[in-house]
């Protein structure tokens, strides 16, 4: 498969064990996660990863949940839909 045929990474948000944050974050990085945001006190990470790596990330000890990032589309202020 050529480089141009690689799928685009997907954005994800993870909840991890806050008591083991550094350890779990490092394991996620080794498994392919590119971390874009960290909140150790809350036990959350955000980042991007190849879609085919998501099942691997979900199996890492200390990962409590994994969800795709969502974008909320709001209507413009002058829209009749409020």
C-alpha atoms as a PDB file:
ATOM      1  CA  UNK A   1       0.000   0.000   0.000  1.00  0.00           C
ATOM      2  CA  UNK A   2       1.389   3.407  -0.909  1.00  0.00           C
ATOM      3  CA  UNK A   3       1.831   6.231   1.577  1.00  0.00           C
ATOM      4  CA  UNK A   4      -0.940   8.258  -0.074  1.00  0.00           C
ATOM      5  CA  UNK A   5      -3.391   5.385   0.431  1.00  0.00           C
ATOM      6  CA  UNK A   6      -3.037   5.452   4.232  1.00  0.00           C
ATOM      7  CA  UNK A   7      -6.330   6.348   5.953  1.00  0.00           C
ATOM      8  CA  UNK A   8      -6.480   9.618   7.837  1.00  0.00           C
ATOM      9  CA  UNK A   9      -6.102   9.319  11.606  1.00  0.00           C
ATOM     10  CA  UNK A  10      -9.243   9.655  13.692  1.00  0.00           C
ATOM     11  CA  UNK A  11      -9.641  11.826  16.766  1.00  0.00           C
ATOM     12  CA  UNK A  12     -10.377  10.023  20.017  1.00  0.00           C
ATOM     13  CA  UNK A  13     -10.900  10.847  23.680  1.00  0.00           C
ATOM     14  CA  UNK A  14      -9.878   8.370  26.383  1.00  0.00           C
ATOM     15  CA  UNK A  15     -10.680   8.105  30.063  1.00  0.00           C
ATOM     16  CA  UNK A  16      -7.870   6.379  31.946  1.00  0.00           C
ATOM     17  CA  UNK A  17      -7.117   5.460  35.550  1.00  0.00           C
ATOM     18  CA  UNK A  18      -5.942   8.815  36.981  1.00  0.00           C
ATOM     19  CA  UNK A  19      -3.772   7.051  39.565  1.00  0.00           C
ATOM     20  CA  UNK A  20      -1.784   5.434  36.732  1.00  0.00           C
ATOM     21  CA  UNK A  21      -2.033   8.282  34.226  1.00  0.00           C
ATOM     22  CA  UNK A  22       1.639   8.520  33.190  1.00  0.00           C
ATOM     23  CA  UNK A  23       2.001   4.742  32.825  1.00  0.00           C
ATOM     24  CA  UNK A  24      -1.187   4.353  30.772  1.00  0.00           C
ATOM     25  CA  UNK A  25      -0.416   7.410  28.616  1.00  0.00           C
ATOM     26  CA  UNK A  26       2.997   5.972  27.754  1.00  0.00           C
ATOM     27  CA  UNK A  27       1.462   2.593  26.838  1.00  0.00           C
ATOM     28  CA  UNK A  28      -1.049   4.393  24.587  1.00  0.00           C
ATOM     29  CA  UNK A  29       1.746   6.294  22.851  1.00  0.00           C
ATOM     30  CA  UNK A  30       3.675   3.059  22.247  1.00  0.00           C
ATOM     31  CA  UNK A  31       0.493   1.562  20.747  1.00  0.00           C
ATOM     32  CA  UNK A  32       0.207   4.369  18.196  1.00  0.00           C
ATOM     33  CA  UNK A  33      -1.682   7.239  19.859  1.00  0.00           C
ATOM     34  CA  UNK A  34      -0.487  10.743  19.023  1.00  0.00           C
ATOM     35  CA  UNK A  35      -1.482  12.681  22.142  1.00  0.00           C
ATOM     36  CA  UNK A  36      -2.909  16.149  21.481  1.00  0.00           C
ATOM     37  CA  UNK A  37      -4.228  16.918  24.970  1.00  0.00           C
ATOM     38  CA  UNK A  38      -3.771  15.645  28.520  1.00  0.00           C
ATOM     39  CA  UNK A  39      -5.663  16.272  31.754  1.00  0.00           C
ATOM     40  CA  UNK A  40      -3.934  14.027  34.304  1.00  0.00           C
ATOM     41  CA  UNK A  41      -6.063  15.147  37.264  1.00  0.00           C
ATOM     42  CA  UNK A  42      -9.215  14.161  35.362  1.00  0.00           C
ATOM     43  CA  UNK A  43      -7.690  11.048  33.791  1.00  0.00           C
ATOM     44  CA  UNK A  44      -8.422  12.106  30.225  1.00  0.00           C
ATOM     45  CA  UNK A  45      -6.372  12.130  27.048  1.00  0.00           C
ATOM     46  CA  UNK A  46      -7.225  13.198  23.541  1.00  0.00           C
ATOM     47  CA  UNK A  47      -5.348  12.376  20.420  1.00  0.00           C
ATOM     48  CA  UNK A  48      -5.286  10.852  16.973  1.00  0.00           C
ATOM     49  CA  UNK A  49      -4.686   7.282  15.891  1.00  0.00           C
ATOM     50  CA  UNK A  50      -5.108   5.081  12.836  1.00  0.00           C
ATOM     51  CA  UNK A  51      -8.567   3.528  12.940  1.00  0.00           C
ATOM     52  CA  UNK A  52      -7.173  -0.010  12.879  1.00  0.00           C
ATOM     53  CA  UNK A  53      -5.247   0.679  16.133  1.00  0.00           C
ATOM     54  CA  UNK A  54      -8.384   1.518  18.170  1.00  0.00           C
ATOM     55  CA  UNK A  55      -9.076  -2.100  19.252  1.00  0.00           C
ATOM     56  CA  UNK A  56      -5.492  -2.337  20.548  1.00  0.00           C
ATOM     57  CA  UNK A  57      -5.839   0.883  22.555  1.00  0.00           C
ATOM     58  CA  UNK A  58      -9.063  -0.381  24.150  1.00  0.00           C
ATOM     59  CA  UNK A  59      -7.258  -3.437  25.540  1.00  0.00           C
ATOM     60  CA  UNK A  60      -4.535  -1.491  27.369  1.00  0.00           C
ATOM     61  CA  UNK A  61      -4.765  -1.980  31.127  1.00  0.00           C
ATOM     62  CA  UNK A  62      -5.928   1.269  32.710  1.00  0.00           C
ATOM     63  CA  UNK A  63      -8.055   2.478  29.775  1.00  0.00           C
ATOM     64  CA  UNK A  64     -11.565   2.956  31.155  1.00  0.00           C
ATOM     65  CA  UNK A  65     -13.297   4.198  27.997  1.00  0.00           C
ATOM     66  CA  UNK A  66     -12.538   5.330  24.469  1.00  0.00           C
ATOM     67  CA  UNK A  67     -14.775   7.412  22.248  1.00  0.00           C
ATOM     68  CA  UNK A  68     -14.401   9.212  18.956  1.00  0.00           C
ATOM     69  CA  UNK A  69     -14.191  12.988  19.147  1.00  0.00           C
ATOM     70  CA  UNK A  70     -17.417  14.603  18.112  1.00  0.00           C
ATOM     71  CA  UNK A  71     -17.938  17.963  16.445  1.00  0.00           C
ATOM     72  CA  UNK A  72     -21.110  19.816  17.283  1.00  0.00           C
ATOM     73  CA  UNK A  73     -22.536  21.814  14.396  1.00  0.00           C
ATOM     74  CA  UNK A  74     -24.493  24.828  15.673  1.00  0.00           C
ATOM     75  CA  UNK A  75     -26.730  26.875  13.409  1.00  0.00           C
ATOM     76  CA  UNK A  76     -25.655  30.483  12.827  1.00  0.00           C
ATOM     77  CA  UNK A  77     -27.183  33.033  15.227  1.00  0.00           C
ATOM     78  CA  UNK A  78     -29.560  34.386  12.568  1.00  0.00           C
ATOM     79  CA  UNK A  79     -30.835  30.925  11.623  1.00  0.00           C
ATOM     80  CA  UNK A  80     -34.554  30.181  12.072  1.00  0.00           C
ATOM     81  CA  UNK A  81     -33.509  26.911  13.772  1.00  0.00           C
ATOM     82  CA  UNK A  82     -32.694  27.711  17.422  1.00  0.00           C
END
